[in-house]
Structures are given as C-alpha cells and as structure tokens.
Amino acid sequence: MVGNLQDLILREIKSPEAKGASIQAMVSPKEGWEGYVMRVIDVQKGGYTPKHHHPWPHINYIIEGKGELEIDGVIHPVQAGSYAFVPGESLHQFRNAGDQVFRFICIVPEIGHQY
C-alpha cells in the first residue's frame, strides 16, 4: 500500500478544547495494520489540540513547524525532527508555537483513533 497525504480526507478536530487542529488517518486496520493507526495532525498558527488524557500512549514525530508538547504540566519545545513518547494516562496537549503550520505524525492504538 502506497499513498499520498494530499489524497486523504482532512477532518477538523471538533472539540471545544481544540483550536485550528485537523487530522488525517494514513495507515490503519483498513490498510492492514491491525490494532494501530498512524495519523498526521496539523495545528494552525495560534492553534492547539485538546488537553486530555487516556489509557493508551502516543508515539509522535514532528514533520514541520515549531510547537510545544505539554505532558503532565511540563512544557517541551518541539520542532521538525523532534520525536516524543507520551505515556498512557498522561495529561497532554500540542500547541503551535510558530508562524506556520505545526505538523506531526501521531501513532496510537486503534481504540485511540476517535476523530
């Protein structure tokens, strides 16, 4: 399976705790990766994802832009090339800290793909 991000459906993250964030699912059980989903998340200038927690972990890789990843009250500056492991049950949020789109890959168990 080979694809291109520009061909995928872009969905707004609809949450009162999010601003300017959207998501695209790239690889999931639908494509044959049982149990996991790899997504790309875009956060626009001034935007952020919901601050939340859940039982499953995240694996993240920053593709472009500058941002902040808050994990349990600690703010970590991130930029293109940064990666992160967010443990399950950690209160976390991604925020755009730059002037252009903040884009990152997010891999979660299938149960964690709710958008």
PDB file of N, CA and C in Angstrom:
ATOM      1  N   MET A   1       0.845  -1.182   0.000  1.00  0.00           N
ATOM      2  CA  MET A   1       0.000   0.000   0.000  1.00  0.00           C
ATOM      3  C   MET A   1       0.889   1.244   0.000  1.00  0.00           C
ATOM      4  N   VAL A   2       0.637   2.131  -0.916  1.00  0.00           N
ATOM      5  CA  VAL A   2       1.355   3.404  -1.013  1.00  0.00           C
ATOM      6  C   VAL A   2       0.312   4.484  -1.237  1.00  0.00           C
ATOM      7  N   GLY A   3       0.462   5.619  -0.589  1.00  0.00           N
ATOM      8  CA  GLY A   3      -0.498   6.696  -0.757  1.00  0.00           C
ATOM      9  C   GLY A   3       0.179   8.044  -0.645  1.00  0.00           C
ATOM     10  N   ASN A   4      -0.632   9.093  -0.709  1.00  0.00           N
ATOM     11  CA  ASN A   4      -0.144  10.455  -0.594  1.00  0.00           C
ATOM     12  C   ASN A   4      -1.075  11.229   0.315  1.00  0.00           C
ATOM     13  N   LEU A   5      -0.514  11.973   1.231  1.00  0.00           N
ATOM     14  CA  LEU A   5      -1.285  12.732   2.206  1.00  0.00           C
ATOM     15  C   LEU A   5      -2.323  13.639   1.549  1.00  0.00           C
ATOM     16  N   GLN A   6      -1.987  14.217   0.403  1.00  0.00           N
ATOM     17  CA  GLN A   6      -2.918  15.142  -0.257  1.00  0.00           C
ATOM     18  C   GLN A   6      -4.185  14.443  -0.748  1.00  0.00           C
ATOM     19  N   ASP A   7      -4.175  13.112  -0.825  1.00  0.00           N
ATOM     20  CA  ASP A   7      -5.350  12.374  -1.278  1.00  0.00           C
ATOM     21  C   ASP A   7      -6.263  11.931  -0.134  1.00  0.00           C
ATOM     22  N   LEU A   8      -5.872  12.196   1.109  1.00  0.00           N
ATOM     23  CA  LEU A   8      -6.648  11.741   2.263  1.00  0.00           C
ATOM     24  C   LEU A   8      -7.636  12.802   2.740  1.00  0.00           C
ATOM     25  N   ILE A   9      -8.698  12.342   3.362  1.00  0.00           N
ATOM     26  CA  ILE A   9      -9.708  13.242   3.933  1.00  0.00           C
ATOM     27  C   ILE A   9      -9.107  13.978   5.121  1.00  0.00           C
ATOM     28  N   LEU A  10      -9.269  15.293   5.127  1.00  0.00           N
ATOM     29  CA  LEU A  10      -8.818  16.145   6.227  1.00  0.00           C
ATOM     30  C   LEU A  10     -10.028  16.420   7.110  1.00  0.00           C
ATOM     31  N   ARG A  11      -9.936  16.007   8.369  1.00  0.00           N
ATOM     32  CA  ARG A  11     -11.047  16.198   9.304  1.00  0.00           C
ATOM     33  C   ARG A  11     -10.639  17.181  10.411  1.00  0.00           C
ATOM     34  N   GLU A  12     -11.500  18.143  10.655  1.00  0.00           N
ATOM     35  CA  GLU A  12     -11.287  19.077  11.751  1.00  0.00           C
ATOM     36  C   GLU A  12     -11.440  18.313  13.067  1.00  0.00           C
ATOM     37  N   ILE A  13     -10.574  18.610  14.022  1.00  0.00           N
ATOM     38  CA  ILE A  13     -10.735  18.036  15.362  1.00  0.00           C
ATOM     39  C   ILE A  13     -11.788  18.881  16.051  1.00  0.00           C
ATOM     40  N   LYS A  14     -12.958  18.304  16.192  1.00  0.00           N
ATOM     41  CA  LYS A  14     -14.101  19.042  16.737  1.00  0.00           C
ATOM     42  C   LYS A  14     -14.191  18.801  18.235  1.00  0.00           C
ATOM     43  N   SER A  15     -13.688  19.755  18.953  1.00  0.00           N
ATOM     44  CA  SER A  15     -13.707  19.722  20.408  1.00  0.00           C
ATOM     45  C   SER A  15     -13.699  21.152  20.889  1.00  0.00           C
ATOM     46  N   PRO A  16     -14.455  21.455  21.938  1.00  0.00           N
ATOM     47  CA  PRO A  16     -14.401  22.821  22.462  1.00  0.00           C
ATOM     48  C   PRO A  16     -13.030  23.169  23.038  1.00  0.00           C
ATOM     49  N   GLU A  17     -12.192  22.138  23.306  1.00  0.00           N
ATOM     50  CA  GLU A  17     -10.854  22.368  23.847  1.00  0.00           C
ATOM     51  C   GLU A  17      -9.782  22.429  22.761  1.00  0.00           C
ATOM     52  N   ALA A  18     -10.167  22.404  21.486  1.00  0.00           N
ATOM     53  CA  ALA A  18      -9.206  22.465  20.388  1.00  0.00           C
ATOM     54  C   ALA A  18      -9.449  23.717  19.552  1.00  0.00           C
ATOM     55  N   LYS A  19      -8.380  24.175  18.910  1.00  0.00           N
ATOM     56  CA  LYS A  19      -8.494  25.339  18.021  1.00  0.00           C
ATOM     57  C   LYS A  19      -7.543  25.132  16.853  1.00  0.00           C
ATOM     58  N   GLY A  20      -8.057  25.207  15.630  1.00  0.00           N
ATOM     59  CA  GLY A  20      -7.228  25.163  14.440  1.00  0.00           C
ATOM     60  C   GLY A  20      -6.481  23.861  14.239  1.00  0.00           C
ATOM     61  N   ALA A  21      -7.068  22.753  14.675  1.00  0.00           N
ATOM     62  CA  ALA A  21      -6.401  21.452  14.557  1.00  0.00           C
ATOM     63  C   ALA A  21      -7.205  20.528  13.646  1.00  0.00           C
ATOM     64  N   SER A  22      -6.484  19.779  12.808  1.00  0.00           N
ATOM     65  CA  SER A  22      -7.127  18.822  11.902  1.00  0.00           C
ATOM     66  C   SER A  22      -6.301  17.545  11.856  1.00  0.00           C
ATOM     67  N   ILE A  23      -6.920  16.475  11.346  1.00  0.00           N
ATOM     68  CA  ILE A  23      -6.297  15.160  11.380  1.00  0.00           C
ATOM     69  C   ILE A  23      -6.570  14.398  10.089  1.00  0.00           C
ATOM     70  N   GLN A  24      -5.608  13.584   9.672  1.00  0.00           N
ATOM     71  CA  GLN A  24      -5.749  12.698   8.522  1.00  0.00           C
ATOM     72  C   GLN A  24      -5.215  11.323   8.929  1.00  0.00           C
ATOM     73  N   ALA A  25      -6.002  10.283   8.710  1.00  0.00           N
ATOM     74  CA  ALA A  25      -5.556   8.913   9.008  1.00  0.00           C
ATOM     75  C   ALA A  25      -4.843   8.362   7.785  1.00  0.00           C
ATOM     76  N   MET A  26      -3.593   7.913   7.977  1.00  0.00           N
ATOM     77  CA  MET A  26      -2.805   7.390   6.859  1.00  0.00           C
ATOM     78  C   MET A  26      -2.851   5.867   6.800  1.00  0.00           C
ATOM     79  N   VAL A  27      -2.477   5.204   7.876  1.00  0.00           N
ATOM     80  CA  VAL A  27      -2.429   3.745   7.895  1.00  0.00           C
ATOM     81  C   VAL A  27      -3.181   3.262   9.123  1.00  0.00           C
ATOM     82  N   SER A  28      -4.076   2.307   8.921  1.00  0.00           N
ATOM     83  CA  SER A  28      -4.938   1.804   9.983  1.00  0.00           C
ATOM     84  C   SER A  28      -5.271   0.343   9.698  1.00  0.00           C
ATOM     85  N   PRO A  29      -6.129  -0.266  10.490  1.00  0.00           N
ATOM     86  CA  PRO A  29      -6.567  -1.628  10.168  1.00  0.00           C
ATOM     87  C   PRO A  29      -7.193  -1.731   8.771  1.00  0.00           C
ATOM     88  N   LYS A  30      -7.796  -0.646   8.309  1.00  0.00           N
ATOM     89  CA  LYS A  30      -8.378  -0.637   6.957  1.00  0.00           C
ATOM     90  C   LYS A  30      -7.324  -0.945   5.892  1.00  0.00           C
ATOM     91  N   GLU A  31      -6.093  -0.486   6.132  1.00  0.00           N
ATOM     92  CA  GLU A  31      -4.993  -0.725   5.191  1.00  0.00           C
ATOM     93  C   GLU A  31      -4.171  -1.968   5.562  1.00  0.00           C
ATOM     94  N   GLY A  32      -4.535  -2.629   6.663  1.00  0.00           N
ATOM     95  CA  GLY A  32      -3.867  -3.866   7.042  1.00  0.00           C
ATOM     96  C   GLY A  32      -3.001  -3.795   8.292  1.00  0.00           C
ATOM     97  N   TRP A  33      -2.928  -2.614   8.963  1.00  0.00           N
ATOM     98  CA  TRP A  33      -2.136  -2.522  10.189  1.00  0.00           C
ATOM     99  C   TRP A  33      -3.062  -2.757  11.374  1.00  0.00           C
ATOM    100  N   GLU A  34      -3.205  -3.994  11.748  1.00  0.00           N
ATOM    101  CA  GLU A  34      -4.143  -4.375  12.798  1.00  0.00           C
ATOM    102  C   GLU A  34      -3.767  -3.767  14.148  1.00  0.00           C
ATOM    103  N   GLY A  35      -4.736  -3.122  14.766  1.00  0.00           N
ATOM    104  CA  GLY A  35      -4.577  -2.624  16.117  1.00  0.00           C
ATOM    105  C   GLY A  35      -4.018  -1.225  16.267  1.00  0.00           C
ATOM    106  N   TYR A  36      -3.529  -0.604  15.176  1.00  0.00           N
ATOM    107  CA  TYR A  36      -2.893   0.713  15.292  1.00  0.00           C
ATOM    108  C   TYR A  36      -3.346   1.644  14.169  1.00  0.00           C
ATOM    109  N   VAL A  37      -3.157   2.939  14.416  1.00  0.00           N
ATOM    110  CA  VAL A  37      -3.461   3.952  13.410  1.00  0.00           C
ATOM    111  C   VAL A  37      -2.330   4.988  13.414  1.00  0.00           C
ATOM    112  N   MET A  38      -1.821   5.284  12.219  1.00  0.00           N
ATOM    113  CA  MET A  38      -0.848   6.354  12.050  1.00  0.00           C
ATOM    114  C   MET A  38      -1.574   7.523  11.395  1.00  0.00           C
ATOM    115  N   ARG A  39      -1.532   8.657  12.074  1.00  0.00           N
ATOM    116  CA  ARG A  39      -2.230   9.842  11.589  1.00  0.00           C
ATOM    117  C   ARG A  39      -1.256  10.999  11.437  1.00  0.00           C
ATOM    118  N   VAL A  40      -1.665  12.010  10.682  1.00  0.00           N
ATOM    119  CA  VAL A  40      -0.953  13.282  10.613  1.00  0.00           C
ATOM    120  C   VAL A  40      -1.891  14.331  11.182  1.00  0.00           C
ATOM    121  N   ILE A  41      -1.362  15.140  12.076  1.00  0.00           N
ATOM    122  CA  ILE A  41      -2.148  16.199  12.699  1.00  0.00           C
ATOM    123  C   ILE A  41      -1.519  17.536  12.328  1.00  0.00           C
ATOM    124  N   ASP A  42      -2.350  18.448  11.868  1.00  0.00           N
ATOM    125  CA  ASP A  42      -1.938  19.817  11.563  1.00  0.00           C
ATOM    126  C   ASP A  42      -2.538  20.747  12.608  1.00  0.00           C
ATOM    127  N   VAL A  43      -1.718  21.644  13.122  1.00  0.00           N
ATOM    128  CA  VAL A  43      -2.185  22.669  14.052  1.00  0.00           C
ATOM    129  C   VAL A  43      -1.791  24.014  13.452  1.00  0.00           C
ATOM    130  N   GLN A  44      -2.780  24.840  13.185  1.00  0.00           N
ATOM    131  CA  GLN A  44      -2.551  26.138  12.559  1.00  0.00           C
ATOM    132  C   GLN A  44      -1.949  27.133  13.550  1.00  0.00           C
ATOM    133  N   LYS A  45      -1.409  28.222  13.040  1.00  0.00           N
ATOM    134  CA  LYS A  45      -0.842  29.284  13.877  1.00  0.00           C
ATOM    135  C   LYS A  45      -1.847  29.666  14.961  1.00  0.00           C
ATOM    136  N   GLY A  46      -1.402  29.684  16.199  1.00  0.00           N
ATOM    137  CA  GLY A  46      -2.268  30.030  17.328  1.00  0.00           C
ATOM    138  C   GLY A  46      -3.162  28.893  17.793  1.00  0.00           C
ATOM    139  N   GLY A  47      -3.040  27.727  17.170  1.00  0.00           N
ATOM    140  CA  GLY A  47      -3.934  26.617  17.482  1.00  0.00           C
ATOM    141  C   GLY A  47      -3.346  25.621  18.469  1.00  0.00           C
ATOM    142  N   TYR A  48      -4.205  24.663  18.862  1.00  0.00           N
ATOM    143  CA  TYR A  48      -3.815  23.638  19.830  1.00  0.00           C
ATOM    144  C   TYR A  48      -4.791  22.464  19.760  1.00  0.00           C
ATOM    145  N   THR A  49      -4.305  21.337  20.224  1.00  0.00           N
ATOM    146  CA  THR A  49      -5.148  20.145  20.342  1.00  0.00           C
ATOM    147  C   THR A  49      -5.801  20.165  21.719  1.00  0.00           C
ATOM    148  N   PRO A  50      -6.803  19.334  21.954  1.00  0.00           N
ATOM    149  CA  PRO A  50      -7.406  19.301  23.296  1.00  0.00           C
ATOM    150  C   PRO A  50      -6.390  18.856  24.352  1.00  0.00           C
ATOM    151  N   LYS A  51      -6.481  19.435  25.534  1.00  0.00           N
ATOM    152  CA  LYS A  51      -5.684  18.942  26.659  1.00  0.00           C
ATOM    153  C   LYS A  51      -6.486  17.787  27.247  1.00  0.00           C
ATOM    154  N   HIS A  52      -5.907  16.591  27.205  1.00  0.00           N
ATOM    155  CA  HIS A  52      -6.663  15.409  27.614  1.00  0.00           C
ATOM    156  C   HIS A  52      -5.736  14.279  28.053  1.00  0.00           C
ATOM    157  N   HIS A  53      -6.331  13.213  28.543  1.00  0.00           N
ATOM    158  CA  HIS A  53      -5.575  12.011  28.891  1.00  0.00           C
ATOM    159  C   HIS A  53      -6.441  10.798  28.574  1.00  0.00           C
ATOM    160  N   HIS A  54      -5.801   9.660  28.441  1.00  0.00           N
ATOM    161  CA  HIS A  54      -6.469   8.401  28.118  1.00  0.00           C
ATOM    162  C   HIS A  54      -5.512   7.265  28.444  1.00  0.00           C
ATOM    163  N   PRO A  55      -5.971   6.030  28.449  1.00  0.00           N
ATOM    164  CA  PRO A  55      -5.119   4.913  28.869  1.00  0.00           C
ATOM    165  C   PRO A  55      -3.988   4.551  27.907  1.00  0.00           C
ATOM    166  N   TRP A  56      -4.091   4.903  26.650  1.00  0.00           N
ATOM    167  CA  TRP A  56      -3.095   4.464  25.668  1.00  0.00           C
ATOM    168  C   TRP A  56      -2.009   5.518  25.463  1.00  0.00           C
ATOM    169  N   PRO A  57      -0.822   5.093  25.017  1.00  0.00           N
ATOM    170  CA  PRO A  57       0.259   6.030  24.728  1.00  0.00           C
ATOM    171  C   PRO A  57       0.155   6.597  23.318  1.00  0.00           C
ATOM    172  N   HIS A  58       0.922   7.641  23.078  1.00  0.00           N
ATOM    173  CA  HIS A  58       1.108   8.222  21.742  1.00  0.00           C
ATOM    174  C   HIS A  58       2.578   8.060  21.376  1.00  0.00           C
ATOM    175  N   ILE A  59       2.855   7.867  20.108  1.00  0.00           N
ATOM    176  CA  ILE A  59       4.205   7.996  19.571  1.00  0.00           C
ATOM    177  C   ILE A  59       4.107   9.105  18.534  1.00  0.00           C
ATOM    178  N   ASN A  60       4.978  10.109  18.655  1.00  0.00           N
ATOM    179  CA  ASN A  60       4.885  11.283  17.787  1.00  0.00           C
ATOM    180  C   ASN A  60       6.213  11.601  17.126  1.00  0.00           C
ATOM    181  N   TYR A  61       6.118  12.132  15.905  1.00  0.00           N
ATOM    182  CA  TYR A  61       7.287  12.627  15.173  1.00  0.00           C
ATOM    183  C   TYR A  61       6.888  13.944  14.511  1.00  0.00           C
ATOM    184  N   ILE A  62       7.642  15.000  14.776  1.00  0.00           N
ATOM    185  CA  ILE A  62       7.320  16.324  14.246  1.00  0.00           C
ATOM    186  C   ILE A  62       7.867  16.444  12.827  1.00  0.00           C
ATOM    187  N   ILE A  63       6.973  16.722  11.879  1.00  0.00           N
ATOM    188  CA  ILE A  63       7.331  16.824  10.466  1.00  0.00           C
ATOM    189  C   ILE A  63       7.767  18.236  10.101  1.00  0.00           C
ATOM    190  N   GLU A  64       6.988  19.219  10.563  1.00  0.00           N
ATOM    191  CA  GLU A  64       7.334  20.607  10.228  1.00  0.00           C
ATOM    192  C   GLU A  64       6.769  21.562  11.257  1.00  0.00           C
ATOM    193  N   GLY A  65       7.374  22.742  11.299  1.00  0.00           N
ATOM    194  CA  GLY A  65       6.919  23.786  12.201  1.00  0.00           C
ATOM    195  C   GLY A  65       7.535  23.679  13.582  1.00  0.00           C
ATOM    196  N   LYS A  66       7.064  24.559  14.459  1.00  0.00           N
ATOM    197  CA  LYS A  66       7.509  24.606  15.852  1.00  0.00           C
ATOM    198  C   LYS A  66       6.292  24.506  16.747  1.00  0.00           C
ATOM    199  N   GLY A  67       6.473  23.809  17.862  1.00  0.00           N
ATOM    200  CA  GLY A  67       5.357  23.663  18.772  1.00  0.00           C
ATOM    201  C   GLY A  67       5.816  23.430  20.191  1.00  0.00           C
ATOM    202  N   GLU A  68       4.821  23.195  21.019  1.00  0.00           N
ATOM    203  CA  GLU A  68       5.038  22.821  22.407  1.00  0.00           C
ATOM    204  C   GLU A  68       4.223  21.566  22.669  1.00  0.00           C
ATOM    205  N   LEU A  69       4.806  20.647  23.389  1.00  0.00           N
ATOM    206  CA  LEU A  69       4.093  19.463  23.849  1.00  0.00           C
ATOM    207  C   LEU A  69       4.097  19.519  25.367  1.00  0.00           C
ATOM    208  N   GLU A  70       2.923  19.685  25.946  1.00  0.00           N
ATOM    209  CA  GLU A  70       2.802  19.684  27.393  1.00  0.00           C
ATOM    210  C   GLU A  70       2.440  18.271  27.837  1.00  0.00           C
ATOM    211  N   ILE A  71       3.231  17.723  28.743  1.00  0.00           N
ATOM    212  CA  ILE A  71       2.966  16.404  29.324  1.00  0.00           C
ATOM    213  C   ILE A  71       2.975  16.555  30.835  1.00  0.00           C
ATOM    214  N   ASP A  72       1.830  16.314  31.451  1.00  0.00           N
ATOM    215  CA  ASP A  72       1.695  16.400  32.913  1.00  0.00           C
ATOM    216  C   ASP A  72       2.274  17.696  33.475  1.00  0.00           C
ATOM    217  N   GLY A  73       1.956  18.811  32.822  1.00  0.00           N
ATOM    218  CA  GLY A  73       2.346  20.127  33.308  1.00  0.00           C
ATOM    219  C   GLY A  73       3.736  20.585  32.902  1.00  0.00           C
ATOM    220  N   VAL A  74       4.523  19.729  32.258  1.00  0.00           N
ATOM    221  CA  VAL A  74       5.859  20.109  31.803  1.00  0.00           C
ATOM    222  C   VAL A  74       5.786  20.417  30.311  1.00  0.00           C
ATOM    223  N   ILE A  75       6.258  21.610  29.923  1.00  0.00           N
ATOM    224  CA  ILE A  75       6.211  22.040  28.533  1.00  0.00           C
ATOM    225  C   ILE A  75       7.542  21.720  27.859  1.00  0.00           C
ATOM    226  N   HIS A  76       7.445  20.979  26.742  1.00  0.00           N
ATOM    227  CA  HIS A  76       8.623  20.589  25.964  1.00  0.00           C
ATOM    228  C   HIS A  76       8.571  21.292  24.609  1.00  0.00           C
ATOM    229  N   PRO A  77       9.542  22.159  24.292  1.00  0.00           N
ATOM    230  CA  PRO A  77       9.583  22.735  22.945  1.00  0.00           C
ATOM    231  C   PRO A  77       9.917  21.620  21.942  1.00  0.00           C
ATOM    232  N   VAL A  78       9.226  21.613  20.812  1.00  0.00           N
ATOM    233  CA  VAL A  78       9.473  20.621  19.759  1.00  0.00           C
ATOM    234  C   VAL A  78       9.494  21.332  18.411  1.00  0.00           C
ATOM    235  N   GLN A  79      10.199  20.715  17.467  1.00  0.00           N
ATOM    236  CA  GLN A  79      10.279  21.270  16.111  1.00  0.00           C
ATOM    237  C   GLN A  79      10.515  20.118  15.149  1.00  0.00           C
ATOM    238  N   ALA A  80      10.547  20.419  13.858  1.00  0.00           N
ATOM    239  CA  ALA A  80      10.782  19.390  12.851  1.00  0.00           C
ATOM    240  C   ALA A  80      11.980  18.545  13.256  1.00  0.00           C
ATOM    241  N   GLY A  81      11.791  17.231  13.253  1.00  0.00           N
ATOM    242  CA  GLY A  81      12.831  16.297  13.653  1.00  0.00           C
ATOM    243  C   GLY A  81      12.698  15.800  15.075  1.00  0.00           C
ATOM    244  N   SER A  82      11.921  16.489  15.903  1.00  0.00           N
ATOM    245  CA  SER A  82      11.706  16.027  17.280  1.00  0.00           C
ATOM    246  C   SER A  82      10.777  14.823  17.278  1.00  0.00           C
ATOM    247  N   TYR A  83      10.924  13.992  18.287  1.00  0.00           N
ATOM    248  CA  TYR A  83      10.010  12.872  18.480  1.00  0.00           C
ATOM    249  C   TYR A  83       9.650  12.787  19.955  1.00  0.00           C
ATOM    250  N   ALA A  84       8.553  12.112  20.257  1.00  0.00           N
ATOM    251  CA  ALA A  84       8.106  12.023  21.641  1.00  0.00           C
ATOM    252  C   ALA A  84       7.314  10.742  21.863  1.00  0.00           C
ATOM    253  N   PHE A  85       7.415  10.241  23.071  1.00  0.00           N
ATOM    254  CA  PHE A  85       6.565   9.162  23.553  1.00  0.00           C
ATOM    255  C   PHE A  85       5.748   9.754  24.692  1.00  0.00           C
ATOM    256  N   VAL A  86       4.437   9.741  24.557  1.00  0.00           N
ATOM    257  CA  VAL A  86       3.541  10.256  25.589  1.00  0.00           C
ATOM    258  C   VAL A  86       2.905   9.041  26.270  1.00  0.00           C
ATOM    259  N   PRO A  87       3.280   8.775  27.527  1.00  0.00           N
ATOM    260  CA  PRO A  87       2.739   7.594  28.206  1.00  0.00           C
ATOM    261  C   PRO A  87       1.226   7.669  28.404  1.00  0.00           C
ATOM    262  N   GLY A  88       0.598   6.509  28.475  1.00  0.00           N
ATOM    263  CA  GLY A  88      -0.828   6.454  28.780  1.00  0.00           C
ATOM    264  C   GLY A  88      -1.115   7.139  30.110  1.00  0.00           C
ATOM    265  N   GLU A  89      -2.294   7.711  30.218  1.00  0.00           N
ATOM    266  CA  GLU A  89      -2.789   8.430  31.398  1.00  0.00           C
ATOM    267  C   GLU A  89      -2.091   9.763  31.649  1.00  0.00           C
ATOM    268  N   SER A  90      -1.176  10.176  30.784  1.00  0.00           N
ATOM    269  CA  SER A  90      -0.538  11.486  30.930  1.00  0.00           C
ATOM    270  C   SER A  90      -1.459  12.573  30.384  1.00  0.00           C
ATOM    271  N   LEU A  91      -1.615  13.648  31.128  1.00  0.00           N
ATOM    272  CA  LEU A  91      -2.360  14.801  30.632  1.00  0.00           C
ATOM    273  C   LEU A  91      -1.460  15.507  29.628  1.00  0.00           C
ATOM    274  N   HIS A  92      -1.931  15.671  28.386  1.00  0.00           N
ATOM    275  CA  HIS A  92      -1.059  16.197  27.334  1.00  0.00           C
ATOM    276  C   HIS A  92      -1.816  17.093  26.358  1.00  0.00           C
ATOM    277  N   GLN A  93      -1.042  17.943  25.686  1.00  0.00           N
ATOM    278  CA  GLN A  93      -1.583  18.863  24.683  1.00  0.00           C
ATOM    279  C   GLN A  93      -0.456  19.327  23.764  1.00  0.00           C
ATOM    280  N   PHE A  94      -0.771  19.452  22.478  1.00  0.00           N
ATOM    281  CA  PHE A  94       0.151  20.022  21.498  1.00  0.00           C
ATOM    282  C   PHE A  94      -0.329  21.434  21.158  1.00  0.00           C
ATOM    283  N   ARG A  95       0.624  22.373  21.060  1.00  0.00           N
ATOM    284  CA  ARG A  95       0.299  23.753  20.706  1.00  0.00           C
ATOM    285  C   ARG A  95       1.263  24.234  19.627  1.00  0.00           C
ATOM    286  N   ASN A  96       0.742  25.008  18.691  1.00  0.00           N
ATOM    287  CA  ASN A  96       1.596  25.627  17.678  1.00  0.00           C
ATOM    288  C   ASN A  96       2.310  26.803  18.335  1.00  0.00           C
ATOM    289  N   ALA A  97       3.635  26.844  18.222  1.00  0.00           N
ATOM    290  CA  ALA A  97       4.419  27.927  18.806  1.00  0.00           C
ATOM    291  C   ALA A  97       5.157  28.720  17.726  1.00  0.00           C
ATOM    292  N   GLY A  98       4.712  28.576  16.485  1.00  0.00           N
ATOM    293  CA  GLY A  98       5.390  29.263  15.386  1.00  0.00           C
ATOM    294  C   GLY A  98       4.428  30.057  14.531  1.00  0.00           C
ATOM    295  N   ASP A  99       4.925  30.498  13.378  1.00  0.00           N
ATOM    296  CA  ASP A  99       4.140  31.317  12.460  1.00  0.00           C
ATOM    297  C   ASP A  99       3.589  30.535  11.275  1.00  0.00           C
ATOM    298  N   GLN A 100       3.877  29.233  11.217  1.00  0.00           N
ATOM    299  CA  GLN A 100       3.372  28.411  10.125  1.00  0.00           C
ATOM    300  C   GLN A 100       2.727  27.155  10.698  1.00  0.00           C
ATOM    301  N   VAL A 101       2.233  26.299   9.844  1.00  0.00           N
ATOM    302  CA  VAL A 101       1.576  25.090  10.316  1.00  0.00           C
ATOM    303  C   VAL A 101       2.550  24.243  11.136  1.00  0.00           C
ATOM    304  N   PHE A 102       2.045  23.646  12.192  1.00  0.00           N
ATOM    305  CA  PHE A 102       2.768  22.705  13.034  1.00  0.00           C
ATOM    306  C   PHE A 102       2.185  21.334  12.693  1.00  0.00           C
ATOM    307  N   ARG A 103       2.995  20.457  12.094  1.00  0.00           N
ATOM    308  CA  ARG A 103       2.507  19.167  11.575  1.00  0.00           C
ATOM    309  C   ARG A 103       3.306  18.031  12.204  1.00  0.00           C
ATOM    310  N   PHE A 104       2.579  17.004  12.667  1.00  0.00           N
ATOM    311  CA  PHE A 104       3.264  15.873  13.269  1.00  0.00           C
ATOM    312  C   PHE A 104       2.519  14.572  13.020  1.00  0.00           C
ATOM    313  N   ILE A 105       3.286  13.499  13.056  1.00  0.00           N
ATOM    314  CA  ILE A 105       2.732  12.148  12.975  1.00  0.00           C
ATOM    315  C   ILE A 105       2.373  11.719  14.386  1.00  0.00           C
ATOM    316  N   CYS A 106       1.251  11.042  14.512  1.00  0.00           N
ATOM    317  CA  CYS A 106       0.797  10.527  15.797  1.00  0.00           C
ATOM    318  C   CYS A 106       0.341   9.090  15.595  1.00  0.00           C
ATOM    319  N   ILE A 107       0.974   8.162  16.287  1.00  0.00           N
ATOM    320  CA  ILE A 107       0.600   6.747  16.207  1.00  0.00           C
ATOM    321  C   ILE A 107      -0.037   6.352  17.538  1.00  0.00           C
ATOM    322  N   VAL A 108      -1.223   5.754  17.435  1.00  0.00           N
ATOM    323  CA  VAL A 108      -1.959   5.310  18.629  1.00  0.00           C
ATOM    324  C   VAL A 108      -2.559   3.929  18.366  1.00  0.00           C
ATOM    325  N   PRO A 109      -2.911   3.215  19.444  1.00  0.00           N
ATOM    326  CA  PRO A 109      -3.696   2.005  19.242  1.00  0.00           C
ATOM    327  C   PRO A 109      -5.024   2.372  18.571  1.00  0.00           C
ATOM    328  N   GLU A 110      -5.597   1.429  17.882  1.00  0.00           N
ATOM    329  CA  GLU A 110      -6.852   1.681  17.144  1.00  0.00           C
ATOM    330  C   GLU A 110      -7.914   2.328  18.028  1.00  0.00           C
ATOM    331  N   ILE A 111      -8.031   1.906  19.273  1.00  0.00           N
ATOM    332  CA  ILE A 111      -9.037   2.478  20.182  1.00  0.00           C
ATOM    333  C   ILE A 111      -8.835   3.984  20.377  1.00  0.00           C
ATOM    334  N   GLY A 112      -7.605   4.459  20.170  1.00  0.00           N
ATOM    335  CA  GLY A 112      -7.311   5.874  20.368  1.00  0.00           C
ATOM    336  C   GLY A 112      -7.636   6.761  19.195  1.00  0.00           C
ATOM    337  N   HIS A 113      -8.016   6.180  18.061  1.00  0.00           N
ATOM    338  CA  HIS A 113      -8.338   6.985  16.895  1.00  0.00           C
ATOM    339  C   HIS A 113      -9.827   7.297  16.919  1.00  0.00           C
ATOM    340  N   GLN A 114     -10.175   8.466  17.479  1.00  0.00           N
ATOM    341  CA  GLN A 114     -11.574   8.809  17.687  1.00  0.00           C
ATOM    342  C   GLN A 114     -12.065   9.978  16.867  1.00  0.00           C
ATOM    343  N   TYR A 115     -11.249  10.529  15.968  1.00  0.00           N
ATOM    344  CA  TYR A 115     -11.661  11.720  15.235  1.00  0.00           C
ATOM    345  C   TYR A 115     -12.175  11.361  13.857  1.00  0.00           C
TER     346      TYR A 115
END
